[in-house]
């Protein structure tokens, strides 16, 4: 089982952001992976903690617009 973190975002942040998040979560579950998704949409975002990113085996970015990504100090 892999730990995967994903970030999704689209231009308006209404539908595709959340559709992509749901698809990634469902695919990961079907394959037995632990998938967490940060959505950057019209309802704001739910940023990952640095420890979650560091623990991930893979990072997936799905975006039709600029993403706000964390920076290390």
C-alpha atoms as a PDB file:
ATOM      1  CA  UNK A   1       0.000   0.000   0.000  1.00  0.00           C
ATOM      2  CA  UNK A   2       1.383   3.365  -1.037  1.00  0.00           C
ATOM      3  CA  UNK A   3       0.757   6.682   0.716  1.00  0.00           C
ATOM      4  CA  UNK A   4      -0.216   9.226  -1.923  1.00  0.00           C
ATOM      5  CA  UNK A   5      -0.975  12.919  -1.491  1.00  0.00           C
ATOM      6  CA  UNK A   6      -2.715  14.855  -4.249  1.00  0.00           C
ATOM      7  CA  UNK A   7      -3.548  18.490  -4.939  1.00  0.00           C
ATOM      8  CA  UNK A   8      -6.470  19.369  -7.225  1.00  0.00           C
ATOM      9  CA  UNK A   9      -7.476  22.761  -8.612  1.00  0.00           C
ATOM     10  CA  UNK A  10      -9.307  24.242 -11.596  1.00  0.00           C
ATOM     11  CA  UNK A  11      -9.951  27.743 -12.899  1.00  0.00           C
ATOM     12  CA  UNK A  12     -13.269  28.334 -11.138  1.00  0.00           C
ATOM     13  CA  UNK A  13     -12.732  25.822  -8.335  1.00  0.00           C
ATOM     14  CA  UNK A  14     -16.324  24.683  -8.351  1.00  0.00           C
ATOM     15  CA  UNK A  15     -16.791  21.309 -10.006  1.00  0.00           C
ATOM     16  CA  UNK A  16     -13.640  19.853 -11.565  1.00  0.00           C
ATOM     17  CA  UNK A  17     -11.513  20.401  -8.452  1.00  0.00           C
ATOM     18  CA  UNK A  18     -13.812  18.189  -6.417  1.00  0.00           C
ATOM     19  CA  UNK A  19     -14.558  15.715  -9.235  1.00  0.00           C
ATOM     20  CA  UNK A  20     -10.838  15.064  -9.670  1.00  0.00           C
ATOM     21  CA  UNK A  21     -10.394  14.678  -5.904  1.00  0.00           C
ATOM     22  CA  UNK A  22     -13.205  12.144  -5.705  1.00  0.00           C
ATOM     23  CA  UNK A  23     -11.866  10.169  -8.684  1.00  0.00           C
ATOM     24  CA  UNK A  24      -8.367  10.014  -7.172  1.00  0.00           C
ATOM     25  CA  UNK A  25      -9.718   8.899  -3.789  1.00  0.00           C
ATOM     26  CA  UNK A  26     -11.911   6.195  -5.341  1.00  0.00           C
ATOM     27  CA  UNK A  27      -9.125   4.883  -7.594  1.00  0.00           C
ATOM     28  CA  UNK A  28      -6.696   4.774  -4.696  1.00  0.00           C
ATOM     29  CA  UNK A  29      -9.158   2.933  -2.478  1.00  0.00           C
ATOM     30  CA  UNK A  30      -9.890   0.418  -5.239  1.00  0.00           C
ATOM     31  CA  UNK A  31      -6.155  -0.289  -5.591  1.00  0.00           C
ATOM     32  CA  UNK A  32      -5.571  -0.457  -1.831  1.00  0.00           C
ATOM     33  CA  UNK A  33      -3.628   2.801  -1.484  1.00  0.00           C
ATOM     34  CA  UNK A  34      -3.925   5.491   1.178  1.00  0.00           C
ATOM     35  CA  UNK A  35      -4.850   8.613  -0.830  1.00  0.00           C
ATOM     36  CA  UNK A  36      -5.317  12.068   0.686  1.00  0.00           C
ATOM     37  CA  UNK A  37      -6.375  15.028  -1.446  1.00  0.00           C
ATOM     38  CA  UNK A  38      -5.920  18.748  -0.867  1.00  0.00           C
ATOM     39  CA  UNK A  39      -8.533  20.653  -2.850  1.00  0.00           C
ATOM     40  CA  UNK A  40      -7.840  24.261  -3.809  1.00  0.00           C
ATOM     41  CA  UNK A  41     -11.282  25.407  -4.875  1.00  0.00           C
ATOM     42  CA  UNK A  42     -13.979  27.984  -4.338  1.00  0.00           C
ATOM     43  CA  UNK A  43     -14.486  26.785  -0.762  1.00  0.00           C
ATOM     44  CA  UNK A  44     -10.820  27.472   0.055  1.00  0.00           C
ATOM     45  CA  UNK A  45      -8.179  24.829   0.634  1.00  0.00           C
ATOM     46  CA  UNK A  46      -7.218  22.247   3.182  1.00  0.00           C
ATOM     47  CA  UNK A  47      -3.387  22.334   3.081  1.00  0.00           C
ATOM     48  CA  UNK A  48      -1.354  19.281   3.997  1.00  0.00           C
ATOM     49  CA  UNK A  49       0.944  19.355   6.975  1.00  0.00           C
ATOM     50  CA  UNK A  50       4.611  19.040   6.052  1.00  0.00           C
ATOM     51  CA  UNK A  51       4.767  15.660   7.826  1.00  0.00           C
ATOM     52  CA  UNK A  52       2.044  14.299   5.498  1.00  0.00           C
ATOM     53  CA  UNK A  53       4.020  15.368   2.435  1.00  0.00           C
ATOM     54  CA  UNK A  54       7.274  13.972   3.815  1.00  0.00           C
ATOM     55  CA  UNK A  55       5.616  10.610   4.562  1.00  0.00           C
ATOM     56  CA  UNK A  56       4.125  10.274   1.055  1.00  0.00           C
ATOM     57  CA  UNK A  57       5.441   7.749  -1.430  1.00  0.00           C
ATOM     58  CA  UNK A  58       4.052   9.844  -4.297  1.00  0.00           C
ATOM     59  CA  UNK A  59       2.618  13.289  -4.961  1.00  0.00           C
ATOM     60  CA  UNK A  60       0.035  13.933  -7.695  1.00  0.00           C
ATOM     61  CA  UNK A  61      -0.856  17.415  -8.927  1.00  0.00           C
ATOM     62  CA  UNK A  62      -4.025  17.864 -11.002  1.00  0.00           C
ATOM     63  CA  UNK A  63      -4.464  21.471 -12.038  1.00  0.00           C
ATOM     64  CA  UNK A  64      -5.960  23.737 -14.687  1.00  0.00           C
ATOM     65  CA  UNK A  65      -4.674  26.801 -12.866  1.00  0.00           C
ATOM     66  CA  UNK A  66      -1.912  28.002 -10.542  1.00  0.00           C
ATOM     67  CA  UNK A  67      -1.463  25.897  -7.404  1.00  0.00           C
ATOM     68  CA  UNK A  68      -0.389  27.268  -4.053  1.00  0.00           C
ATOM     69  CA  UNK A  69       2.333  24.880  -2.936  1.00  0.00           C
ATOM     70  CA  UNK A  70       4.113  24.839   0.397  1.00  0.00           C
ATOM     71  CA  UNK A  71       7.702  26.002   0.654  1.00  0.00           C
ATOM     72  CA  UNK A  72      10.246  24.694   3.114  1.00  0.00           C
ATOM     73  CA  UNK A  73      11.747  27.161   5.529  1.00  0.00           C
END
